């Protein structure tokens, strides 16, 4: 997960992703993790530490 988030950040910095595209990717990751948390509790800590 960290590698993907770094990749998205790098793409944003180099102009590969617009701000809105980056925001959508981050929202998608947060939504996906939020949907997994009842089943996979190790994502709870990751999700809480995000903000």
C-alpha atoms as a PDB file:
ATOM      1  CA  UNK A   1       0.000   0.000   0.000  1.00  0.00           C
ATOM      2  CA  UNK A   2       2.762   2.423   0.916  1.00  0.00           C
ATOM      3  CA  UNK A   3       4.496   1.850  -2.403  1.00  0.00           C
ATOM      4  CA  UNK A   4       1.319   2.624  -4.337  1.00  0.00           C
ATOM      5  CA  UNK A   5       0.694   5.790  -2.329  1.00  0.00           C
ATOM      6  CA  UNK A   6       4.281   6.925  -2.928  1.00  0.00           C
ATOM      7  CA  UNK A   7       3.867   6.168  -6.617  1.00  0.00           C
ATOM      8  CA  UNK A   8       0.723   8.313  -6.763  1.00  0.00           C
ATOM      9  CA  UNK A   9       2.481  11.133  -4.938  1.00  0.00           C
ATOM     10  CA  UNK A  10       5.441  10.922  -7.315  1.00  0.00           C
ATOM     11  CA  UNK A  11       3.136  10.996 -10.335  1.00  0.00           C
ATOM     12  CA  UNK A  12       1.436  14.085  -8.935  1.00  0.00           C
ATOM     13  CA  UNK A  13       4.777  15.807  -8.352  1.00  0.00           C
ATOM     14  CA  UNK A  14       6.025  15.084 -11.875  1.00  0.00           C
ATOM     15  CA  UNK A  15       2.742  16.088 -13.515  1.00  0.00           C
ATOM     16  CA  UNK A  16       1.548  12.568 -14.327  1.00  0.00           C
ATOM     17  CA  UNK A  17      -1.552  13.085 -12.201  1.00  0.00           C
ATOM     18  CA  UNK A  18      -3.531  16.264 -11.844  1.00  0.00           C
ATOM     19  CA  UNK A  19      -4.550  17.351  -8.358  1.00  0.00           C
ATOM     20  CA  UNK A  20      -8.117  16.115  -8.918  1.00  0.00           C
ATOM     21  CA  UNK A  21      -6.887  12.745 -10.226  1.00  0.00           C
ATOM     22  CA  UNK A  22      -4.585  12.345  -7.237  1.00  0.00           C
ATOM     23  CA  UNK A  23      -7.424  13.216  -4.855  1.00  0.00           C
ATOM     24  CA  UNK A  24      -9.658  10.619  -6.535  1.00  0.00           C
ATOM     25  CA  UNK A  25      -6.980   7.921  -6.179  1.00  0.00           C
ATOM     26  CA  UNK A  26      -6.482   8.721  -2.507  1.00  0.00           C
ATOM     27  CA  UNK A  27     -10.245   8.702  -1.927  1.00  0.00           C
ATOM     28  CA  UNK A  28     -10.483   5.324  -3.676  1.00  0.00           C
ATOM     29  CA  UNK A  29      -7.746   3.871  -1.470  1.00  0.00           C
ATOM     30  CA  UNK A  30      -9.408   5.225   1.678  1.00  0.00           C
ATOM     31  CA  UNK A  31     -12.777   3.847   0.589  1.00  0.00           C
ATOM     32  CA  UNK A  32     -11.286   0.454  -0.216  1.00  0.00           C
ATOM     33  CA  UNK A  33      -9.490   0.250   3.124  1.00  0.00           C
ATOM     34  CA  UNK A  34     -12.639   1.372   4.899  1.00  0.00           C
ATOM     35  CA  UNK A  35     -14.587  -1.441   3.284  1.00  0.00           C
ATOM     36  CA  UNK A  36     -11.942  -4.015   4.254  1.00  0.00           C
ATOM     37  CA  UNK A  37     -11.544  -2.995   7.870  1.00  0.00           C
ATOM     38  CA  UNK A  38     -14.333  -5.152   9.332  1.00  0.00           C
ATOM     39  CA  UNK A  39     -12.741  -8.224   7.755  1.00  0.00           C
ATOM     40  CA  UNK A  40      -9.050  -7.365   7.901  1.00  0.00           C
ATOM     41  CA  UNK A  41      -8.424  -5.569  11.173  1.00  0.00           C
ATOM     42  CA  UNK A  42      -4.745  -4.806  10.509  1.00  0.00           C
ATOM     43  CA  UNK A  43      -5.922  -2.083   8.131  1.00  0.00           C
ATOM     44  CA  UNK A  44      -7.712  -0.342  11.016  1.00  0.00           C
ATOM     45  CA  UNK A  45      -4.421   0.888  12.483  1.00  0.00           C
ATOM     46  CA  UNK A  46      -3.152   1.949   9.075  1.00  0.00           C
ATOM     47  CA  UNK A  47      -6.377   3.814   8.351  1.00  0.00           C
ATOM     48  CA  UNK A  48      -6.371   5.547  11.755  1.00  0.00           C
ATOM     49  CA  UNK A  49      -2.744   6.659  11.343  1.00  0.00           C
ATOM     50  CA  UNK A  50      -3.454   8.079   7.888  1.00  0.00           C
ATOM     51  CA  UNK A  51      -4.767  11.417   9.067  1.00  0.00           C
END
